Amino acid sequence: MDTEDAILFLAAKNNTTPEQIRVDMEEAIQSAKDNDNFKAMFGDRTPNVEEFIEAVVLMLRAPDGPVQ
């Protein structure tokens, strides 16, 4: 599943549009960018939706699972 498929899946699951999923995710990213855990993942840069999804997927697939 690529990032576009993930966005389409989330839209269908939440009875909304892919565009709204993107808007919601962009708002969430903006809200989280000052969080220490977020900064640990992305430094001082703000990822786009695709980069964020890819980073979370990699984190979830890590042998030890997500960082606690």
PDB file of N, CA and C in Angstrom:
ATOM      1  N   MET A   1       0.850  -1.175   0.000  1.00  0.00           N
ATOM      2  CA  MET A   1       0.000   0.000   0.000  1.00  0.00           C
ATOM      3  C   MET A   1       0.897   1.239   0.000  1.00  0.00           C
ATOM      4  N   ASP A   2       0.690   2.136  -0.952  1.00  0.00           N
ATOM      5  CA  ASP A   2       1.453   3.378  -0.965  1.00  0.00           C
ATOM      6  C   ASP A   2       0.689   4.462  -0.205  1.00  0.00           C
ATOM      7  N   THR A   3       1.271   5.645  -0.112  1.00  0.00           N
ATOM      8  CA  THR A   3       0.648   6.693   0.691  1.00  0.00           C
ATOM      9  C   THR A   3      -0.715   7.112   0.136  1.00  0.00           C
ATOM     10  N   GLU A   4      -0.850   7.149  -1.173  1.00  0.00           N
ATOM     11  CA  GLU A   4      -2.152   7.519  -1.751  1.00  0.00           C
ATOM     12  C   GLU A   4      -3.205   6.478  -1.413  1.00  0.00           C
ATOM     13  N   ASP A   5      -2.833   5.212  -1.456  1.00  0.00           N
ATOM     14  CA  ASP A   5      -3.761   4.149  -1.060  1.00  0.00           C
ATOM     15  C   ASP A   5      -4.170   4.304   0.404  1.00  0.00           C
ATOM     16  N   ALA A   6      -3.199   4.662   1.251  1.00  0.00           N
ATOM     17  CA  ALA A   6      -3.495   4.851   2.675  1.00  0.00           C
ATOM     18  C   ALA A   6      -4.483   5.996   2.869  1.00  0.00           C
ATOM     19  N   ILE A   7      -4.289   7.076   2.136  1.00  0.00           N
ATOM     20  CA  ILE A   7      -5.201   8.216   2.237  1.00  0.00           C
ATOM     21  C   ILE A   7      -6.591   7.831   1.738  1.00  0.00           C
ATOM     22  N   LEU A   8      -6.664   7.111   0.633  1.00  0.00           N
ATOM     23  CA  LEU A   8      -7.962   6.646   0.120  1.00  0.00           C
ATOM     24  C   LEU A   8      -8.653   5.721   1.118  1.00  0.00           C
ATOM     25  N   PHE A   9      -7.880   4.827   1.739  1.00  0.00           N
ATOM     26  CA  PHE A   9      -8.423   3.915   2.741  1.00  0.00           C
ATOM     27  C   PHE A   9      -8.994   4.704   3.924  1.00  0.00           C
ATOM     28  N   LEU A  10      -8.219   5.670   4.428  1.00  0.00           N
ATOM     29  CA  LEU A  10      -8.687   6.479   5.559  1.00  0.00           C
ATOM     30  C   LEU A  10      -9.940   7.268   5.202  1.00  0.00           C
ATOM     31  N   ALA A  11      -9.987   7.788   4.000  1.00  0.00           N
ATOM     32  CA  ALA A  11     -11.165   8.546   3.568  1.00  0.00           C
ATOM     33  C   ALA A  11     -12.399   7.652   3.547  1.00  0.00           C
ATOM     34  N   ALA A  12     -12.268   6.469   2.969  1.00  0.00           N
ATOM     35  CA  ALA A  12     -13.407   5.551   2.902  1.00  0.00           C
ATOM     36  C   ALA A  12     -13.833   5.109   4.301  1.00  0.00           C
ATOM     37  N   LYS A  13     -12.861   4.808   5.142  1.00  0.00           N
ATOM     38  CA  LYS A  13     -13.156   4.332   6.497  1.00  0.00           C
ATOM     39  C   LYS A  13     -13.848   5.409   7.333  1.00  0.00           C
ATOM     40  N   ASN A  14     -13.543   6.671   7.048  1.00  0.00           N
ATOM     41  CA  ASN A  14     -14.099   7.782   7.821  1.00  0.00           C
ATOM     42  C   ASN A  14     -15.196   8.544   7.081  1.00  0.00           C
ATOM     43  N   ASN A  15     -15.659   7.957   5.968  1.00  0.00           N
ATOM     44  CA  ASN A  15     -16.763   8.539   5.205  1.00  0.00           C
ATOM     45  C   ASN A  15     -16.510  10.010   4.852  1.00  0.00           C
ATOM     46  N   THR A  16     -15.320  10.256   4.301  1.00  0.00           N
ATOM     47  CA  THR A  16     -14.953  11.611   3.907  1.00  0.00           C
ATOM     48  C   THR A  16     -14.153  11.532   2.615  1.00  0.00           C
ATOM     49  N   THR A  17     -13.588  12.639   2.205  1.00  0.00           N
ATOM     50  CA  THR A  17     -12.835  12.678   0.950  1.00  0.00           C
ATOM     51  C   THR A  17     -11.333  12.602   1.217  1.00  0.00           C
ATOM     52  N   PRO A  18     -10.574  12.158   0.226  1.00  0.00           N
ATOM     53  CA  PRO A  18      -9.113  12.179   0.369  1.00  0.00           C
ATOM     54  C   PRO A  18      -8.592  13.602   0.619  1.00  0.00           C
ATOM     55  N   GLU A  19      -9.230  14.577   0.002  1.00  0.00           N
ATOM     56  CA  GLU A  19      -8.817  15.963   0.206  1.00  0.00           C
ATOM     57  C   GLU A  19      -8.979  16.375   1.665  1.00  0.00           C
ATOM     58  N   GLN A  20     -10.071  15.947   2.291  1.00  0.00           N
ATOM     59  CA  GLN A  20     -10.288  16.288   3.695  1.00  0.00           C
ATOM     60  C   GLN A  20      -9.291  15.566   4.591  1.00  0.00           C
ATOM     61  N   ILE A  21      -8.952  14.338   4.249  1.00  0.00           N
ATOM     62  CA  ILE A  21      -7.929  13.603   5.006  1.00  0.00           C
ATOM     63  C   ILE A  21      -6.614  14.366   4.938  1.00  0.00           C
ATOM     64  N   ARG A  22      -6.245  14.846   3.766  1.00  0.00           N
ATOM     65  CA  ARG A  22      -5.003  15.619   3.611  1.00  0.00           C
ATOM     66  C   ARG A  22      -5.037  16.894   4.453  1.00  0.00           C
ATOM     67  N   VAL A  23      -6.150  17.614   4.404  1.00  0.00           N
ATOM     68  CA  VAL A  23      -6.292  18.847   5.193  1.00  0.00           C
ATOM     69  C   VAL A  23      -6.152  18.528   6.680  1.00  0.00           C
ATOM     70  N   ASP A  24      -6.842  17.484   7.117  1.00  0.00           N
ATOM     71  CA  ASP A  24      -6.785  17.103   8.536  1.00  0.00           C
ATOM     72  C   ASP A  24      -5.374  16.691   8.942  1.00  0.00           C
ATOM     73  N   MET A  25      -4.697  15.945   8.089  1.00  0.00           N
ATOM     74  CA  MET A  25      -3.340  15.506   8.410  1.00  0.00           C
ATOM     75  C   MET A  25      -2.374  16.688   8.417  1.00  0.00           C
ATOM     76  N   GLU A  26      -2.535  17.608   7.491  1.00  0.00           N
ATOM     77  CA  GLU A  26      -1.673  18.788   7.479  1.00  0.00           C
ATOM     78  C   GLU A  26      -1.865  19.614   8.745  1.00  0.00           C
ATOM     79  N   GLU A  27      -3.123  19.747   9.197  1.00  0.00           N
ATOM     80  CA  GLU A  27      -3.399  20.456  10.445  1.00  0.00           C
ATOM     81  C   GLU A  27      -2.769  19.732  11.632  1.00  0.00           C
ATOM     82  N   ALA A  28      -2.862  18.409  11.646  1.00  0.00           N
ATOM     83  CA  ALA A  28      -2.277  17.624  12.736  1.00  0.00           C
ATOM     84  C   ALA A  28      -0.759  17.761  12.752  1.00  0.00           C
ATOM     85  N   ILE A  29      -0.153  17.741  11.574  1.00  0.00           N
ATOM     86  CA  ILE A  29       1.299  17.907  11.479  1.00  0.00           C
ATOM     87  C   ILE A  29       1.701  19.279  12.013  1.00  0.00           C
ATOM     88  N   GLN A  30       0.981  20.314  11.629  1.00  0.00           N
ATOM     89  CA  GLN A  30       1.274  21.662  12.122  1.00  0.00           C
ATOM     90  C   GLN A  30       1.125  21.738  13.644  1.00  0.00           C
ATOM     91  N   SER A  31       0.118  21.082  14.172  1.00  0.00           N
ATOM     92  CA  SER A  31      -0.106  21.088  15.622  1.00  0.00           C
ATOM     93  C   SER A  31       0.980  20.339  16.370  1.00  0.00           C
ATOM     94  N   ALA A  32       1.546  19.322  15.742  1.00  0.00           N
ATOM     95  CA  ALA A  32       2.519  18.453  16.417  1.00  0.00           C
ATOM     96  C   ALA A  32       3.964  18.890  16.247  1.00  0.00           C
ATOM     97  N   LYS A  33       4.239  19.818  15.358  1.00  0.00           N
ATOM     98  CA  LYS A  33       5.627  20.094  14.984  1.00  0.00           C
ATOM     99  C   LYS A  33       6.503  20.616  16.122  1.00  0.00           C
ATOM    100  N   ASP A  34       5.924  21.115  17.198  1.00  0.00           N
ATOM    101  CA  ASP A  34       6.714  21.590  18.329  1.00  0.00           C
ATOM    102  C   ASP A  34       6.873  20.537  19.419  1.00  0.00           C
ATOM    103  N   ASN A  35       6.244  19.381  19.232  1.00  0.00           N
ATOM    104  CA  ASN A  35       6.339  18.280  20.178  1.00  0.00           C
ATOM    105  C   ASN A  35       7.728  17.660  20.116  1.00  0.00           C
ATOM    106  N   ASP A  36       8.304  17.320  21.277  1.00  0.00           N
ATOM    107  CA  ASP A  36       9.657  16.755  21.317  1.00  0.00           C
ATOM    108  C   ASP A  36       9.778  15.454  20.522  1.00  0.00           C
ATOM    109  N   ASN A  37       8.766  14.588  20.593  1.00  0.00           N
ATOM    110  CA  ASN A  37       8.811  13.332  19.838  1.00  0.00           C
ATOM    111  C   ASN A  37       8.776  13.587  18.339  1.00  0.00           C
ATOM    112  N   PHE A  38       7.979  14.544  17.937  1.00  0.00           N
ATOM    113  CA  PHE A  38       7.897  14.917  16.527  1.00  0.00           C
ATOM    114  C   PHE A  38       9.253  15.456  16.058  1.00  0.00           C
ATOM    115  N   LYS A  39       9.855  16.325  16.882  1.00  0.00           N
ATOM    116  CA  LYS A  39      11.163  16.891  16.538  1.00  0.00           C
ATOM    117  C   LYS A  39      12.234  15.807  16.469  1.00  0.00           C
ATOM    118  N   ALA A  40      12.096  14.774  17.307  1.00  0.00           N
ATOM    119  CA  ALA A  40      13.063  13.675  17.268  1.00  0.00           C
ATOM    120  C   ALA A  40      12.990  12.945  15.931  1.00  0.00           C
ATOM    121  N   MET A  41      11.810  12.878  15.353  1.00  0.00           N
ATOM    122  CA  MET A  41      11.639  12.197  14.071  1.00  0.00           C
ATOM    123  C   MET A  41      12.031  13.069  12.886  1.00  0.00           C
ATOM    124  N   PHE A  42      11.695  14.358  12.939  1.00  0.00           N
ATOM    125  CA  PHE A  42      11.820  15.210  11.760  1.00  0.00           C
ATOM    126  C   PHE A  42      12.754  16.405  11.927  1.00  0.00           C
ATOM    127  N   GLY A  43      13.293  16.586  13.116  1.00  0.00           N
ATOM    128  CA  GLY A  43      14.146  17.748  13.339  1.00  0.00           C
ATOM    129  C   GLY A  43      13.320  19.019  13.260  1.00  0.00           C
ATOM    130  N   ASP A  44      13.911  20.042  12.668  1.00  0.00           N
ATOM    131  CA  ASP A  44      13.225  21.336  12.574  1.00  0.00           C
ATOM    132  C   ASP A  44      12.406  21.502  11.303  1.00  0.00           C
ATOM    133  N   ARG A  45      12.370  20.469  10.481  1.00  0.00           N
ATOM    134  CA  ARG A  45      11.607  20.595   9.238  1.00  0.00           C
ATOM    135  C   ARG A  45      10.193  20.037   9.420  1.00  0.00           C
ATOM    136  N   THR A  46       9.300  20.516   8.618  1.00  0.00           N
ATOM    137  CA  THR A  46       7.914  20.057   8.658  1.00  0.00           C
ATOM    138  C   THR A  46       7.679  19.151   7.455  1.00  0.00           C
ATOM    139  N   PRO A  47       7.395  17.869   7.700  1.00  0.00           N
ATOM    140  CA  PRO A  47       7.190  16.953   6.581  1.00  0.00           C
ATOM    141  C   PRO A  47       5.851  17.208   5.896  1.00  0.00           C
ATOM    142  N   ASN A  48       5.761  16.786   4.642  1.00  0.00           N
ATOM    143  CA  ASN A  48       4.455  16.814   3.996  1.00  0.00           C
ATOM    144  C   ASN A  48       3.706  15.535   4.411  1.00  0.00           C
ATOM    145  N   VAL A  49       2.483  15.420   3.980  1.00  0.00           N
ATOM    146  CA  VAL A  49       1.644  14.285   4.389  1.00  0.00           C
ATOM    147  C   VAL A  49       2.290  12.956   4.002  1.00  0.00           C
ATOM    148  N   GLU A  50       2.814  12.874   2.788  1.00  0.00           N
ATOM    149  CA  GLU A  50       3.422  11.621   2.328  1.00  0.00           C
ATOM    150  C   GLU A  50       4.640  11.247   3.172  1.00  0.00           C
ATOM    151  N   GLU A  51       5.480  12.227   3.451  1.00  0.00           N
ATOM    152  CA  GLU A  51       6.662  11.958   4.281  1.00  0.00           C
ATOM    153  C   GLU A  51       6.271  11.506   5.686  1.00  0.00           C
ATOM    154  N   PHE A  52       5.247  12.128   6.218  1.00  0.00           N
ATOM    155  CA  PHE A  52       4.782  11.761   7.552  1.00  0.00           C
ATOM    156  C   PHE A  52       4.279  10.323   7.571  1.00  0.00           C
ATOM    157  N   ILE A  53       3.438   9.969   6.608  1.00  0.00           N
ATOM    158  CA  ILE A  53       2.911   8.605   6.539  1.00  0.00           C
ATOM    159  C   ILE A  53       4.054   7.601   6.400  1.00  0.00           C
ATOM    160  N   GLU A  54       4.982   7.883   5.512  1.00  0.00           N
ATOM    161  CA  GLU A  54       6.115   6.963   5.306  1.00  0.00           C
ATOM    162  C   GLU A  54       6.941   6.799   6.580  1.00  0.00           C
ATOM    163  N   ALA A  55       7.178   7.887   7.307  1.00  0.00           N
ATOM    164  CA  ALA A  55       7.953   7.811   8.545  1.00  0.00           C
ATOM    165  C   ALA A  55       7.223   6.989   9.605  1.00  0.00           C
ATOM    166  N   VAL A  56       5.925   7.170   9.706  1.00  0.00           N
ATOM    167  CA  VAL A  56       5.148   6.411  10.693  1.00  0.00           C
ATOM    168  C   VAL A  56       5.128   4.929  10.330  1.00  0.00           C
ATOM    169  N   VAL A  57       4.973   4.619   9.066  1.00  0.00           N
ATOM    170  CA  VAL A  57       4.994   3.217   8.625  1.00  0.00           C
ATOM    171  C   VAL A  57       6.339   2.577   8.948  1.00  0.00           C
ATOM    172  N   LEU A  58       7.428   3.269   8.664  1.00  0.00           N
ATOM    173  CA  LEU A  58       8.756   2.737   8.988  1.00  0.00           C
ATOM    174  C   LEU A  58       8.911   2.515  10.489  1.00  0.00           C
ATOM    175  N   MET A  59       8.414   3.456  11.275  1.00  0.00           N
ATOM    176  CA  MET A  59       8.492   3.324  12.724  1.00  0.00           C
ATOM    177  C   MET A  59       7.700   2.105  13.198  1.00  0.00           C
ATOM    178  N   LEU A  60       6.517   1.910  12.646  1.00  0.00           N
ATOM    179  CA  LEU A  60       5.681   0.779  13.046  1.00  0.00           C
ATOM    180  C   LEU A  60       6.260  -0.560  12.611  1.00  0.00           C
ATOM    181  N   ARG A  61       7.008  -0.548  11.519  1.00  0.00           N
ATOM    182  CA  ARG A  61       7.611  -1.783  10.999  1.00  0.00           C
ATOM    183  C   ARG A  61       8.962  -2.092  11.633  1.00  0.00           C
ATOM    184  N   ALA A  62       9.483  -1.190  12.445  1.00  0.00           N
ATOM    185  CA  ALA A  62      10.790  -1.395  13.071  1.00  0.00           C
ATOM    186  C   ALA A  62      10.757  -2.671  13.904  1.00  0.00           C
ATOM    187  N   PRO A  63      11.870  -3.400  13.952  1.00  0.00           N
ATOM    188  CA  PRO A  63      11.899  -4.679  14.681  1.00  0.00           C
ATOM    189  C   PRO A  63      11.425  -4.579  16.128  1.00  0.00           C
ATOM    190  N   ASP A  64      11.716  -3.464  16.762  1.00  0.00           N
ATOM    191  CA  ASP A  64      11.308  -3.288  18.160  1.00  0.00           C
ATOM    192  C   ASP A  64       9.962  -2.605  18.285  1.00  0.00           C
ATOM    193  N   GLY A  65       9.301  -2.339  17.158  1.00  0.00           N
ATOM    194  CA  GLY A  65       8.014  -1.655  17.183  1.00  0.00           C
ATOM    195  C   GLY A  65       8.193  -0.164  17.393  1.00  0.00           C
ATOM    196  N   PRO A  66       7.096   0.546  17.602  1.00  0.00           N
ATOM    197  CA  PRO A  66       7.181   1.993  17.789  1.00  0.00           C
ATOM    198  C   PRO A  66       7.977   2.344  19.036  1.00  0.00           C
ATOM    199  N   VAL A  67       8.635   3.464  18.985  1.00  0.00           N
ATOM    200  CA  VAL A  67       9.380   3.962  20.147  1.00  0.00           C
ATOM    201  C   VAL A  67       8.374   4.376  21.210  1.00  0.00           C
ATOM    202  N   GLN A  68       8.638   4.015  22.423  1.00  0.00           N
ATOM    203  CA  GLN A  68       7.727   4.344  23.529  1.00  0.00           C
ATOM    204  C   GLN A  68       8.052   5.661  24.145  1.00  0.00           C
TER     205      GLN A  68
END
